[in-house]
Amino acid sequence: MGSITVARRLAGTVLRECGYQGRHEDVLLVVSELVTNALVHGDGPPSLRVRASVARVRIEVGDAGVALPETREPGPANGWGLHVVRLLSTGWGISPAESGKVVWCELAARFAPIQVTPSEA
């Protein structure tokens, strides 16, 4: 997986097929950031895995590098990468893989509470 466009397209397809009810734009932004980080800072071509349901999505981006990503002060010089991931996800982390590492995150759909008026109860 060497193209951010291909990664976003794949993620969008998974979200639609699974009926994910969250903000697709947030998921696609996180995919872009994680794949970009893997391309710029990782070793070898990155891999992408997206698992989704109506309420949750898990994104995993792997590469052959063993160096752990560093969270830097976000901005024009360092980019926004992991800062964006941290802001939009319900959790994220780094897991060792058979050949390298996987950076993962999870996002949850935010459902609006159902409003019931006294006459409907």
PDB file of N, CA and C in Angstrom:
ATOM      1  N   MET A   1       0.868  -1.169   0.000  1.00  0.00           N
ATOM      2  CA  MET A   1       0.000   0.000   0.000  1.00  0.00           C
ATOM      3  C   MET A   1       0.907   1.223   0.000  1.00  0.00           C
ATOM      4  N   GLY A   2       1.060   1.840  -1.161  1.00  0.00           N
ATOM      5  CA  GLY A   2       1.922   2.992  -1.240  1.00  0.00           C
ATOM      6  C   GLY A   2       1.191   4.283  -1.526  1.00  0.00           C
ATOM      7  N   SER A   3      -0.108   4.233  -1.634  1.00  0.00           N
ATOM      8  CA  SER A   3      -0.863   5.416  -2.016  1.00  0.00           C
ATOM      9  C   SER A   3      -1.893   5.776  -0.958  1.00  0.00           C
ATOM     10  N   ILE A   4      -1.851   7.014  -0.538  1.00  0.00           N
ATOM     11  CA  ILE A   4      -2.828   7.491   0.443  1.00  0.00           C
ATOM     12  C   ILE A   4      -4.223   7.489  -0.176  1.00  0.00           C
ATOM     13  N   THR A   5      -4.306   7.811  -1.459  1.00  0.00           N
ATOM     14  CA  THR A   5      -5.603   7.799  -2.141  1.00  0.00           C
ATOM     15  C   THR A   5      -6.208   6.403  -2.129  1.00  0.00           C
ATOM     16  N   VAL A   6      -5.398   5.397  -2.414  1.00  0.00           N
ATOM     17  CA  VAL A   6      -5.879   4.009  -2.400  1.00  0.00           C
ATOM     18  C   VAL A   6      -6.317   3.623  -0.993  1.00  0.00           C
ATOM     19  N   ALA A   7      -5.550   4.022   0.013  1.00  0.00           N
ATOM     20  CA  ALA A   7      -5.895   3.705   1.406  1.00  0.00           C
ATOM     21  C   ALA A   7      -7.230   4.331   1.791  1.00  0.00           C
ATOM     22  N   ARG A   8      -7.435   5.580   1.429  1.00  0.00           N
ATOM     23  CA  ARG A   8      -8.697   6.263   1.747  1.00  0.00           C
ATOM     24  C   ARG A   8      -9.867   5.606   1.019  1.00  0.00           C
ATOM     25  N   ARG A   9      -9.652   5.239  -0.232  1.00  0.00           N
ATOM     26  CA  ARG A   9     -10.712   4.593  -1.012  1.00  0.00           C
ATOM     27  C   ARG A   9     -11.096   3.256  -0.376  1.00  0.00           C
ATOM     28  N   LEU A  10     -10.097   2.469   0.008  1.00  0.00           N
ATOM     29  CA  LEU A  10     -10.352   1.180   0.653  1.00  0.00           C
ATOM     30  C   LEU A  10     -11.119   1.374   1.957  1.00  0.00           C
ATOM     31  N   ALA A  11     -10.680   2.317   2.777  1.00  0.00           N
ATOM     32  CA  ALA A  11     -11.358   2.571   4.055  1.00  0.00           C
ATOM     33  C   ALA A  11     -12.795   3.026   3.828  1.00  0.00           C
ATOM     34  N   GLY A  12     -13.006   3.900   2.863  1.00  0.00           N
ATOM     35  CA  GLY A  12     -14.358   4.368   2.563  1.00  0.00           C
ATOM     36  C   GLY A  12     -15.275   3.235   2.142  1.00  0.00           C
ATOM     37  N   THR A  13     -14.748   2.305   1.357  1.00  0.00           N
ATOM     38  CA  THR A  13     -15.534   1.143   0.934  1.00  0.00           C
ATOM     39  C   THR A  13     -15.932   0.293   2.131  1.00  0.00           C
ATOM     40  N   VAL A  14     -14.983   0.048   3.028  1.00  0.00           N
ATOM     41  CA  VAL A  14     -15.284  -0.754   4.230  1.00  0.00           C
ATOM     42  C   VAL A  14     -16.355  -0.068   5.072  1.00  0.00           C
ATOM     43  N   LEU A  15     -16.237   1.233   5.270  1.00  0.00           N
ATOM     44  CA  LEU A  15     -17.213   1.969   6.083  1.00  0.00           C
ATOM     45  C   LEU A  15     -18.618   1.873   5.489  1.00  0.00           C
ATOM     46  N   ARG A  16     -18.713   2.042   4.181  1.00  0.00           N
ATOM     47  CA  ARG A  16     -20.031   1.958   3.531  1.00  0.00           C
ATOM     48  C   ARG A  16     -20.603   0.547   3.613  1.00  0.00           C
ATOM     49  N   GLU A  17     -19.767  -0.457   3.347  1.00  0.00           N
ATOM     50  CA  GLU A  17     -20.251  -1.839   3.357  1.00  0.00           C
ATOM     51  C   GLU A  17     -20.694  -2.284   4.746  1.00  0.00           C
ATOM     52  N   CYS A  18     -20.039  -1.767   5.783  1.00  0.00           N
ATOM     53  CA  CYS A  18     -20.388  -2.153   7.159  1.00  0.00           C
ATOM     54  C   CYS A  18     -21.472  -1.263   7.754  1.00  0.00           C
ATOM     55  N   GLY A  19     -21.833  -0.200   7.072  1.00  0.00           N
ATOM     56  CA  GLY A  19     -22.874   0.690   7.579  1.00  0.00           C
ATOM     57  C   GLY A  19     -22.436   1.532   8.762  1.00  0.00           C
ATOM     58  N   TYR A  20     -21.133   1.850   8.833  1.00  0.00           N
ATOM     59  CA  TYR A  20     -20.620   2.653   9.943  1.00  0.00           C
ATOM     60  C   TYR A  20     -21.375   3.972  10.023  1.00  0.00           C
ATOM     61  N   GLN A  21     -21.884   4.292  11.205  1.00  0.00           N
ATOM     62  CA  GLN A  21     -22.726   5.470  11.403  1.00  0.00           C
ATOM     63  C   GLN A  21     -21.968   6.693  11.906  1.00  0.00           C
ATOM     64  N   GLY A  22     -20.658   6.582  12.056  1.00  0.00           N
ATOM     65  CA  GLY A  22     -19.865   7.723  12.502  1.00  0.00           C
ATOM     66  C   GLY A  22     -19.494   8.626  11.339  1.00  0.00           C
ATOM     67  N   ARG A  23     -18.669   9.620  11.643  1.00  0.00           N
ATOM     68  CA  ARG A  23     -18.237  10.579  10.619  1.00  0.00           C
ATOM     69  C   ARG A  23     -17.156   9.943   9.742  1.00  0.00           C
ATOM     70  N   HIS A  24     -17.514   9.626   8.516  1.00  0.00           N
ATOM     71  CA  HIS A  24     -16.567   9.007   7.592  1.00  0.00           C
ATOM     72  C   HIS A  24     -15.363   9.916   7.358  1.00  0.00           C
ATOM     73  N   GLU A  25     -15.574  11.220   7.351  1.00  0.00           N
ATOM     74  CA  GLU A  25     -14.481  12.165   7.114  1.00  0.00           C
ATOM     75  C   GLU A  25     -13.396  12.033   8.179  1.00  0.00           C
ATOM     76  N   ASP A  26     -13.801  11.818   9.435  1.00  0.00           N
ATOM     77  CA  ASP A  26     -12.825  11.649  10.516  1.00  0.00           C
ATOM     78  C   ASP A  26     -11.994  10.395  10.291  1.00  0.00           C
ATOM     79  N   VAL A  27     -12.649   9.310   9.910  1.00  0.00           N
ATOM     80  CA  VAL A  27     -11.943   8.049   9.673  1.00  0.00           C
ATOM     81  C   VAL A  27     -10.959   8.214   8.520  1.00  0.00           C
ATOM     82  N   LEU A  28     -11.392   8.831   7.443  1.00  0.00           N
ATOM     83  CA  LEU A  28     -10.518   8.998   6.284  1.00  0.00           C
ATOM     84  C   LEU A  28      -9.334   9.906   6.595  1.00  0.00           C
ATOM     85  N   LEU A  29      -9.535  10.910   7.424  1.00  0.00           N
ATOM     86  CA  LEU A  29      -8.431  11.773   7.843  1.00  0.00           C
ATOM     87  C   LEU A  29      -7.415  10.986   8.668  1.00  0.00           C
ATOM     88  N   VAL A  30      -7.896  10.171   9.587  1.00  0.00           N
ATOM     89  CA  VAL A  30      -6.994   9.356  10.413  1.00  0.00           C
ATOM     90  C   VAL A  30      -6.233   8.360   9.542  1.00  0.00           C
ATOM     91  N   VAL A  31      -6.911   7.738   8.587  1.00  0.00           N
ATOM     92  CA  VAL A  31      -6.232   6.823   7.661  1.00  0.00           C
ATOM     93  C   VAL A  31      -5.123   7.572   6.928  1.00  0.00           C
ATOM     94  N   SER A  32      -5.420   8.757   6.428  1.00  0.00           N
ATOM     95  CA  SER A  32      -4.410   9.557   5.721  1.00  0.00           C
ATOM     96  C   SER A  32      -3.203   9.836   6.598  1.00  0.00           C
ATOM     97  N   GLU A  33      -3.447  10.235   7.833  1.00  0.00           N
ATOM     98  CA  GLU A  33      -2.345  10.576   8.745  1.00  0.00           C
ATOM     99  C   GLU A  33      -1.490   9.356   9.068  1.00  0.00           C
ATOM    100  N   LEU A  34      -2.128   8.225   9.370  1.00  0.00           N
ATOM    101  CA  LEU A  34      -1.365   7.027   9.731  1.00  0.00           C
ATOM    102  C   LEU A  34      -0.577   6.481   8.546  1.00  0.00           C
ATOM    103  N   VAL A  35      -1.186   6.447   7.369  1.00  0.00           N
ATOM    104  CA  VAL A  35      -0.476   5.948   6.190  1.00  0.00           C
ATOM    105  C   VAL A  35       0.658   6.901   5.812  1.00  0.00           C
ATOM    106  N   THR A  36       0.420   8.205   5.901  1.00  0.00           N
ATOM    107  CA  THR A  36       1.483   9.177   5.622  1.00  0.00           C
ATOM    108  C   THR A  36       2.655   8.972   6.571  1.00  0.00           C
ATOM    109  N   ASN A  37       2.371   8.813   7.861  1.00  0.00           N
ATOM    110  CA  ASN A  37       3.448   8.580   8.831  1.00  0.00           C
ATOM    111  C   ASN A  37       4.238   7.325   8.485  1.00  0.00           C
ATOM    112  N   ALA A  38       3.531   6.257   8.097  1.00  0.00           N
ATOM    113  CA  ALA A  38       4.219   5.011   7.753  1.00  0.00           C
ATOM    114  C   ALA A  38       5.084   5.195   6.503  1.00  0.00           C
ATOM    115  N   LEU A  39       4.586   5.924   5.520  1.00  0.00           N
ATOM    116  CA  LEU A  39       5.360   6.159   4.299  1.00  0.00           C
ATOM    117  C   LEU A  39       6.588   7.026   4.564  1.00  0.00           C
ATOM    118  N   VAL A  40       6.436   8.049   5.396  1.00  0.00           N
ATOM    119  CA  VAL A  40       7.525   8.995   5.646  1.00  0.00           C
ATOM    120  C   VAL A  40       8.535   8.452   6.655  1.00  0.00           C
ATOM    121  N   HIS A  41       8.048   7.826   7.722  1.00  0.00           N
ATOM    122  CA  HIS A  41       8.929   7.448   8.826  1.00  0.00           C
ATOM    123  C   HIS A  41       9.168   5.946   8.952  1.00  0.00           C
ATOM    124  N   GLY A  42       8.362   5.126   8.307  1.00  0.00           N
ATOM    125  CA  GLY A  42       8.476   3.675   8.447  1.00  0.00           C
ATOM    126  C   GLY A  42       9.429   3.070   7.441  1.00  0.00           C
ATOM    127  N   ASP A  43       9.551   1.768   7.510  1.00  0.00           N
ATOM    128  CA  ASP A  43      10.395   1.019   6.579  1.00  0.00           C
ATOM    129  C   ASP A  43       9.509   0.127   5.721  1.00  0.00           C
ATOM    130  N   GLY A  44       9.766   0.136   4.433  1.00  0.00           N
ATOM    131  CA  GLY A  44       9.008  -0.714   3.520  1.00  0.00           C
ATOM    132  C   GLY A  44       7.612  -0.183   3.295  1.00  0.00           C
ATOM    133  N   PRO A  45       6.902  -0.805   2.382  1.00  0.00           N
ATOM    134  CA  PRO A  45       5.538  -0.348   2.110  1.00  0.00           C
ATOM    135  C   PRO A  45       4.620  -0.642   3.296  1.00  0.00           C
ATOM    136  N   PRO A  46       3.739   0.286   3.632  1.00  0.00           N
ATOM    137  CA  PRO A  46       2.829   0.051   4.759  1.00  0.00           C
ATOM    138  C   PRO A  46       1.691  -0.892   4.371  1.00  0.00           C
ATOM    139  N   SER A  47       1.107  -1.487   5.392  1.00  0.00           N
ATOM    140  CA  SER A  47      -0.099  -2.298   5.206  1.00  0.00           C
ATOM    141  C   SER A  47      -1.240  -1.591   5.923  1.00  0.00           C
ATOM    142  N   LEU A  48      -2.448  -1.823   5.452  1.00  0.00           N
ATOM    143  CA  LEU A  48      -3.629  -1.200   6.049  1.00  0.00           C
ATOM    144  C   LEU A  48      -4.673  -2.266   6.299  1.00  0.00           C
ATOM    145  N   ARG A  49      -5.251  -2.228   7.491  1.00  0.00           N
ATOM    146  CA  ARG A  49      -6.373  -3.105   7.834  1.00  0.00           C
ATOM    147  C   ARG A  49      -7.446  -2.224   8.467  1.00  0.00           C
ATOM    148  N   VAL A  50      -8.666  -2.334   7.969  1.00  0.00           N
ATOM    149  CA  VAL A  50      -9.792  -1.563   8.498  1.00  0.00           C
ATOM    150  C   VAL A  50     -10.896  -2.547   8.831  1.00  0.00           C
ATOM    151  N   ARG A  51     -11.321  -2.532  10.092  1.00  0.00           N
ATOM    152  CA  ARG A  51     -12.453  -3.361  10.528  1.00  0.00           C
ATOM    153  C   ARG A  51     -13.504  -2.422  11.084  1.00  0.00           C
ATOM    154  N   ALA A  52     -14.750  -2.629  10.659  1.00  0.00           N
ATOM    155  CA  ALA A  52     -15.795  -1.697  11.076  1.00  0.00           C
ATOM    156  C   ALA A  52     -17.101  -2.419  11.341  1.00  0.00           C
ATOM    157  N   SER A  53     -17.902  -1.785  12.172  1.00  0.00           N
ATOM    158  CA  SER A  53     -19.284  -2.187  12.412  1.00  0.00           C
ATOM    159  C   SER A  53     -20.105  -0.905  12.325  1.00  0.00           C
ATOM    160  N   VAL A  54     -21.358  -0.981  12.652  1.00  0.00           N
ATOM    161  CA  VAL A  54     -22.205   0.212  12.624  1.00  0.00           C
ATOM    162  C   VAL A  54     -21.678   1.271  13.592  1.00  0.00           C
ATOM    163  N   ALA A  55     -21.155   0.842  14.744  1.00  0.00           N
ATOM    164  CA  ALA A  55     -20.798   1.778  15.813  1.00  0.00           C
ATOM    165  C   ALA A  55     -19.303   2.024  15.995  1.00  0.00           C
ATOM    166  N   ARG A  56     -18.436   1.166  15.464  1.00  0.00           N
ATOM    167  CA  ARG A  56     -17.000   1.296  15.723  1.00  0.00           C
ATOM    168  C   ARG A  56     -16.200   1.010  14.465  1.00  0.00           C
ATOM    169  N   VAL A  57     -15.000   1.576  14.426  1.00  0.00           N
ATOM    170  CA  VAL A  57     -14.051   1.251  13.368  1.00  0.00           C
ATOM    171  C   VAL A  57     -12.657   1.161  13.984  1.00  0.00           C
ATOM    172  N   ARG A  58     -11.896   0.170  13.544  1.00  0.00           N
ATOM    173  CA  ARG A  58     -10.506   0.014  13.983  1.00  0.00           C
ATOM    174  C   ARG A  58      -9.626   0.077  12.738  1.00  0.00           C
ATOM    175  N   ILE A  59      -8.606   0.912  12.822  1.00  0.00           N
ATOM    176  CA  ILE A  59      -7.662   1.105  11.727  1.00  0.00           C
ATOM    177  C   ILE A  59      -6.302   0.633  12.209  1.00  0.00           C
ATOM    178  N   GLU A  60      -5.640  -0.180  11.399  1.00  0.00           N
ATOM    179  CA  GLU A  60      -4.297  -0.658  11.725  1.00  0.00           C
ATOM    180  C   GLU A  60      -3.395  -0.407  10.523  1.00  0.00           C
ATOM    181  N   VAL A  61      -2.298   0.301  10.750  1.00  0.00           N
ATOM    182  CA  VAL A  61      -1.317   0.554   9.697  1.00  0.00           C
ATOM    183  C   VAL A  61       0.011  -0.012  10.172  1.00  0.00           C
ATOM    184  N   GLY A  62       0.536  -0.946   9.404  1.00  0.00           N
ATOM    185  CA  GLY A  62       1.785  -1.595   9.775  1.00  0.00           C
ATOM    186  C   GLY A  62       2.904  -1.245   8.815  1.00  0.00           C
ATOM    187  N   ASP A  63       4.131  -1.371   9.303  1.00  0.00           N
ATOM    188  CA  ASP A  63       5.306  -1.254   8.445  1.00  0.00           C
ATOM    189  C   ASP A  63       6.418  -2.089   9.059  1.00  0.00           C
ATOM    190  N   ALA A  64       7.488  -2.273   8.314  1.00  0.00           N
ATOM    191  CA  ALA A  64       8.576  -3.145   8.746  1.00  0.00           C
ATOM    192  C   ALA A  64       9.538  -2.474   9.720  1.00  0.00           C
ATOM    193  N   GLY A  65       9.367  -1.209   9.984  1.00  0.00           N
ATOM    194  CA  GLY A  65      10.268  -0.497  10.886  1.00  0.00           C
ATOM    195  C   GLY A  65      10.057  -0.887  12.339  1.00  0.00           C
ATOM    196  N   VAL A  66      11.118  -0.798  13.107  1.00  0.00           N
ATOM    197  CA  VAL A  66      11.015  -1.099  14.537  1.00  0.00           C
ATOM    198  C   VAL A  66      11.031   0.168  15.390  1.00  0.00           C
ATOM    199  N   ALA A  67      11.402   1.296  14.784  1.00  0.00           N
ATOM    200  CA  ALA A  67      11.410   2.560  15.528  1.00  0.00           C
ATOM    201  C   ALA A  67       9.976   2.958  15.848  1.00  0.00           C
ATOM    202  N   LEU A  68       9.752   3.338  17.099  1.00  0.00           N
ATOM    203  CA  LEU A  68       8.407   3.725  17.522  1.00  0.00           C
ATOM    204  C   LEU A  68       8.117   5.164  17.120  1.00  0.00           C
ATOM    205  N   PRO A  69       6.879   5.436  16.726  1.00  0.00           N
ATOM    206  CA  PRO A  69       6.519   6.817  16.384  1.00  0.00           C
ATOM    207  C   PRO A  69       6.656   7.723  17.599  1.00  0.00           C
ATOM    208  N   GLU A  70       7.080   8.944  17.351  1.00  0.00           N
ATOM    209  CA  GLU A  70       7.205   9.929  18.424  1.00  0.00           C
ATOM    210  C   GLU A  70       6.073  10.935  18.304  1.00  0.00           C
ATOM    211  N   THR A  71       5.473  11.256  19.433  1.00  0.00           N
ATOM    212  CA  THR A  71       4.478  12.327  19.407  1.00  0.00           C
ATOM    213  C   THR A  71       5.243  13.633  19.589  1.00  0.00           C
ATOM    214  N   ARG A  72       5.164  14.468  18.584  1.00  0.00           N
ATOM    215  CA  ARG A  72       5.863  15.748  18.591  1.00  0.00           C
ATOM    216  C   ARG A  72       4.855  16.869  18.721  1.00  0.00           C
ATOM    217  N   GLU A  73       5.345  18.029  19.033  1.00  0.00           N
ATOM    218  CA  GLU A  73       4.484  19.212  19.075  1.00  0.00           C
ATOM    219  C   GLU A  73       3.920  19.428  17.673  1.00  0.00           C
ATOM    220  N   PRO A  74       2.590  19.441  17.536  1.00  0.00           N
ATOM    221  CA  PRO A  74       2.016  19.585  16.201  1.00  0.00           C
ATOM    222  C   PRO A  74       2.247  20.977  15.630  1.00  0.00           C
ATOM    223  N   GLY A  75       2.364  21.039  14.331  1.00  0.00           N
ATOM    224  CA  GLY A  75       2.532  22.315  13.661  1.00  0.00           C
ATOM    225  C   GLY A  75       3.102  22.129  12.275  1.00  0.00           C
ATOM    226  N   PRO A  76       3.350  23.220  11.579  1.00  0.00           N
ATOM    227  CA  PRO A  76       3.831  23.132  10.198  1.00  0.00           C
ATOM    228  C   PRO A  76       5.150  22.366  10.060  1.00  0.00           C
ATOM    229  N   ALA A  77       6.042  22.491  11.012  1.00  0.00           N
ATOM    230  CA  ALA A  77       7.338  21.827  10.903  1.00  0.00           C
ATOM    231  C   ALA A  77       7.238  20.322  11.137  1.00  0.00           C
ATOM    232  N   ASN A  78       6.435  19.908  12.096  1.00  0.00           N
ATOM    233  CA  ASN A  78       6.340  18.494  12.454  1.00  0.00           C
ATOM    234  C   ASN A  78       5.111  17.805  11.894  1.00  0.00           C
ATOM    235  N   GLY A  79       4.185  18.549  11.338  1.00  0.00           N
ATOM    236  CA  GLY A  79       2.944  17.954  10.862  1.00  0.00           C
ATOM    237  C   GLY A  79       1.954  17.788  12.010  1.00  0.00           C
ATOM    238  N   TRP A  80       0.838  17.159  11.701  1.00  0.00           N
ATOM    239  CA  TRP A  80      -0.245  17.025  12.677  1.00  0.00           C
ATOM    240  C   TRP A  80      -0.533  15.571  13.018  1.00  0.00           C
ATOM    241  N   GLY A  81      -0.024  14.640  12.231  1.00  0.00           N
ATOM    242  CA  GLY A  81      -0.203  13.204  12.336  1.00  0.00           C
ATOM    243  C   GLY A  81      -0.832  12.621  13.577  1.00  0.00           C
ATOM    244  N   LEU A  82      -0.010  12.259  14.542  1.00  0.00           N
ATOM    245  CA  LEU A  82      -0.518  11.569  15.729  1.00  0.00           C
ATOM    246  C   LEU A  82      -1.387  12.466  16.594  1.00  0.00           C
ATOM    247  N   HIS A  83      -1.192  13.767  16.511  1.00  0.00           N
ATOM    248  CA  HIS A  83      -2.055  14.692  17.252  1.00  0.00           C
ATOM    249  C   HIS A  83      -3.493  14.570  16.742  1.00  0.00           C
ATOM    250  N   VAL A  84      -3.671  14.524  15.435  1.00  0.00           N
ATOM    251  CA  VAL A  84      -5.000  14.351  14.841  1.00  0.00           C
ATOM    252  C   VAL A  84      -5.579  13.001  15.241  1.00  0.00           C
ATOM    253  N   VAL A  85      -4.763  11.965  15.171  1.00  0.00           N
ATOM    254  CA  VAL A  85      -5.218  10.620  15.552  1.00  0.00           C
ATOM    255  C   VAL A  85      -5.699  10.626  16.996  1.00  0.00           C
ATOM    256  N   ARG A  86      -4.936  11.229  17.873  1.00  0.00           N
ATOM    257  CA  ARG A  86      -5.295  11.292  19.293  1.00  0.00           C
ATOM    258  C   ARG A  86      -6.604  12.051  19.509  1.00  0.00           C
ATOM    259  N   LEU A  87      -6.790  13.144  18.795  1.00  0.00           N
ATOM    260  CA  LEU A  87      -7.998  13.962  18.959  1.00  0.00           C
ATOM    261  C   LEU A  87      -9.261  13.269  18.458  1.00  0.00           C
ATOM    262  N   LEU A  88      -9.164  12.531  17.373  1.00  0.00           N
ATOM    263  CA  LEU A  88     -10.351  11.957  16.744  1.00  0.00           C
ATOM    264  C   LEU A  88     -10.688  10.543  17.201  1.00  0.00           C
ATOM    265  N   SER A  89      -9.744   9.865  17.814  1.00  0.00           N
ATOM    266  CA  SER A  89      -9.982   8.461  18.165  1.00  0.00           C
ATOM    267  C   SER A  89     -10.361   8.297  19.637  1.00  0.00           C
ATOM    268  N   THR A  90     -10.972   7.166  19.922  1.00  0.00           N
ATOM    269  CA  THR A  90     -11.297   6.826  21.307  1.00  0.00           C
ATOM    270  C   THR A  90     -10.132   6.114  21.975  1.00  0.00           C
ATOM    271  N   GLY A  91      -9.173   5.700  21.194  1.00  0.00           N
ATOM    272  CA  GLY A  91      -7.973   5.058  21.714  1.00  0.00           C
ATOM    273  C   GLY A  91      -7.017   4.775  20.572  1.00  0.00           C
ATOM    274  N   TRP A  92      -5.724   4.728  20.877  1.00  0.00           N
ATOM    275  CA  TRP A  92      -4.732   4.408  19.865  1.00  0.00           C
ATOM    276  C   TRP A  92      -3.516   3.826  20.554  1.00  0.00           C
ATOM    277  N   GLY A  93      -2.676   3.161  19.789  1.00  0.00           N
ATOM    278  CA  GLY A  93      -1.481   2.586  20.369  1.00  0.00           C
ATOM    279  C   GLY A  93      -0.574   2.000  19.302  1.00  0.00           C
ATOM    280  N   ILE A  94       0.485   1.366  19.783  1.00  0.00           N
ATOM    281  CA  ILE A  94       1.474   0.743  18.914  1.00  0.00           C
ATOM    282  C   ILE A  94       1.652  -0.683  19.397  1.00  0.00           C
ATOM    283  N   SER A  95       1.577  -1.625  18.484  1.00  0.00           N
ATOM    284  CA  SER A  95       1.741  -3.036  18.828  1.00  0.00           C
ATOM    285  C   SER A  95       2.868  -3.620  17.993  1.00  0.00           C
ATOM    286  N   PRO A  96       3.683  -4.489  18.609  1.00  0.00           N
ATOM    287  CA  PRO A  96       4.707  -5.161  17.809  1.00  0.00           C
ATOM    288  C   PRO A  96       4.038  -6.117  16.825  1.00  0.00           C
ATOM    289  N   ALA A  97       4.654  -6.283  15.684  1.00  0.00           N
ATOM    290  CA  ALA A  97       4.152  -7.209  14.670  1.00  0.00           C
ATOM    291  C   ALA A  97       5.265  -8.188  14.324  1.00  0.00           C
ATOM    292  N   GLU A  98       4.906  -9.217  13.587  1.00  0.00           N
ATOM    293  CA  GLU A  98       5.882 -10.233  13.205  1.00  0.00           C
ATOM    294  C   GLU A  98       7.097  -9.613  12.519  1.00  0.00           C
ATOM    295  N   SER A  99       6.849  -8.639  11.677  1.00  0.00           N
ATOM    296  CA  SER A  99       7.960  -7.954  11.012  1.00  0.00           C
ATOM    297  C   SER A  99       7.743  -6.448  11.105  1.00  0.00           C
ATOM    298  N   GLY A 100       8.020  -5.889  12.265  1.00  0.00           N
ATOM    299  CA  GLY A 100       7.889  -4.453  12.455  1.00  0.00           C
ATOM    300  C   GLY A 100       6.894  -4.088  13.531  1.00  0.00           C
ATOM    301  N   LYS A 101       5.992  -3.174  13.186  1.00  0.00           N
ATOM    302  CA  LYS A 101       5.027  -2.679  14.169  1.00  0.00           C
ATOM    303  C   LYS A 101       3.717  -2.329  13.480  1.00  0.00           C
ATOM    304  N   VAL A 102       2.681  -2.174  14.296  1.00  0.00           N
ATOM    305  CA  VAL A 102       1.375  -1.733  13.820  1.00  0.00           C
ATOM    306  C   VAL A 102       0.947  -0.562  14.690  1.00  0.00           C
ATOM    307  N   VAL A 103       0.587   0.541  14.068  1.00  0.00           N
ATOM    308  CA  VAL A 103      -0.015   1.665  14.779  1.00  0.00           C
ATOM    309  C   VAL A 103      -1.514   1.555  14.525  1.00  0.00           C
ATOM    310  N   TRP A 104      -2.285   1.538  15.601  1.00  0.00           N
ATOM    311  CA  TRP A 104      -3.728   1.316  15.480  1.00  0.00           C
ATOM    312  C   TRP A 104      -4.487   2.423  16.191  1.00  0.00           C
ATOM    313  N   CYS A 105      -5.726   2.572  15.813  1.00  0.00           N
ATOM    314  CA  CYS A 105      -6.624   3.464  16.539  1.00  0.00           C
ATOM    315  C   CYS A 105      -8.055   2.994  16.327  1.00  0.00           C
ATOM    316  N   GLU A 106      -8.921   3.432  17.217  1.00  0.00           N
ATOM    317  CA  GLU A 106     -10.338   3.104  17.124  1.00  0.00           C
ATOM    318  C   GLU A 106     -11.151   4.387  17.211  1.00  0.00           C
ATOM    319  N   LEU A 107     -12.202   4.433  16.435  1.00  0.00           N
ATOM    320  CA  LEU A 107     -13.139   5.556  16.466  1.00  0.00           C
ATOM    321  C   LEU A 107     -14.521   4.992  16.717  1.00  0.00           C
ATOM    322  N   ALA A 108     -15.328   5.744  17.420  1.00  0.00           N
ATOM    323  CA  ALA A 108     -16.695   5.315  17.718  1.00  0.00           C
ATOM    324  C   ALA A 108     -17.673   6.324  17.147  1.00  0.00           C
ATOM    325  N   ALA A 109     -18.771   5.802  16.626  1.00  0.00           N
ATOM    326  CA  ALA A 109     -19.846   6.679  16.160  1.00  0.00           C
ATOM    327  C   ALA A 109     -20.462   7.346  17.376  1.00  0.00           C
ATOM    328  N   ARG A 110     -20.782   8.598  17.234  1.00  0.00           N
ATOM    329  CA  ARG A 110     -21.437   9.330  18.323  1.00  0.00           C
ATOM    330  C   ARG A 110     -22.900   9.490  17.949  1.00  0.00           C
ATOM    331  N   PHE A 111     -23.720   8.713  18.612  1.00  0.00           N
ATOM    332  CA  PHE A 111     -25.150   8.743  18.310  1.00  0.00           C
ATOM    333  C   PHE A 111     -25.820   9.823  19.138  1.00  0.00           C
ATOM    334  N   ALA A 112     -26.726  10.534  18.533  1.00  0.00           N
ATOM    335  CA  ALA A 112     -27.492  11.550  19.257  1.00  0.00           C
ATOM    336  C   ALA A 112     -28.495  10.848  20.155  1.00  0.00           C
ATOM    337  N   PRO A 113     -28.671  11.334  21.376  1.00  0.00           N
ATOM    338  CA  PRO A 113     -29.654  10.710  22.261  1.00  0.00           C
ATOM    339  C   PRO A 113     -31.061  10.863  21.692  1.00  0.00           C
ATOM    340  N   ILE A 114     -31.871   9.862  21.908  1.00  0.00           N
ATOM    341  CA  ILE A 114     -33.254   9.900  21.445  1.00  0.00           C
ATOM    342  C   ILE A 114     -34.048  10.802  22.373  1.00  0.00           C
ATOM    343  N   GLN A 115     -34.749  11.750  21.786  1.00  0.00           N
ATOM    344  CA  GLN A 115     -35.572  12.670  22.563  1.00  0.00           C
ATOM    345  C   GLN A 115     -37.007  12.150  22.588  1.00  0.00           C
ATOM    346  N   VAL A 116     -37.534  11.910  23.761  1.00  0.00           N
ATOM    347  CA  VAL A 116     -38.911  11.445  23.901  1.00  0.00           C
ATOM    348  C   VAL A 116     -39.690  12.510  24.654  1.00  0.00           C
ATOM    349  N   THR A 117     -40.766  12.950  24.050  1.00  0.00           N
ATOM    350  CA  THR A 117     -41.617  13.933  24.725  1.00  0.00           C
ATOM    351  C   THR A 117     -42.635  13.186  25.578  1.00  0.00           C
ATOM    352  N   PRO A 118     -43.159  13.810  26.630  1.00  0.00           N
ATOM    353  CA  PRO A 118     -44.111  13.128  27.519  1.00  0.00           C
ATOM    354  C   PRO A 118     -45.299  12.516  26.779  1.00  0.00           C
ATOM    355  N   SER A 119     -45.753  13.119  25.702  1.00  0.00           N
ATOM    356  CA  SER A 119     -46.907  12.570  24.985  1.00  0.00           C
ATOM    357  C   SER A 119     -46.559  11.288  24.235  1.00  0.00           C
ATOM    358  N   GLU A 120     -45.243  11.038  23.968  1.00  0.00           N
ATOM    359  CA  GLU A 120     -44.823   9.829  23.265  1.00  0.00           C
ATOM    360  C   GLU A 120     -44.502   8.698  24.223  1.00  0.00           C
ATOM    361  N   ALA A 121     -44.304   8.998  25.485  1.00  0.00           N
ATOM    362  CA  ALA A 121     -43.875   7.982  26.447  1.00  0.00           C
ATOM    363  C   ALA A 121     -44.993   7.049  26.843  1.00  0.00           C
TER     364      ALA A 121
END
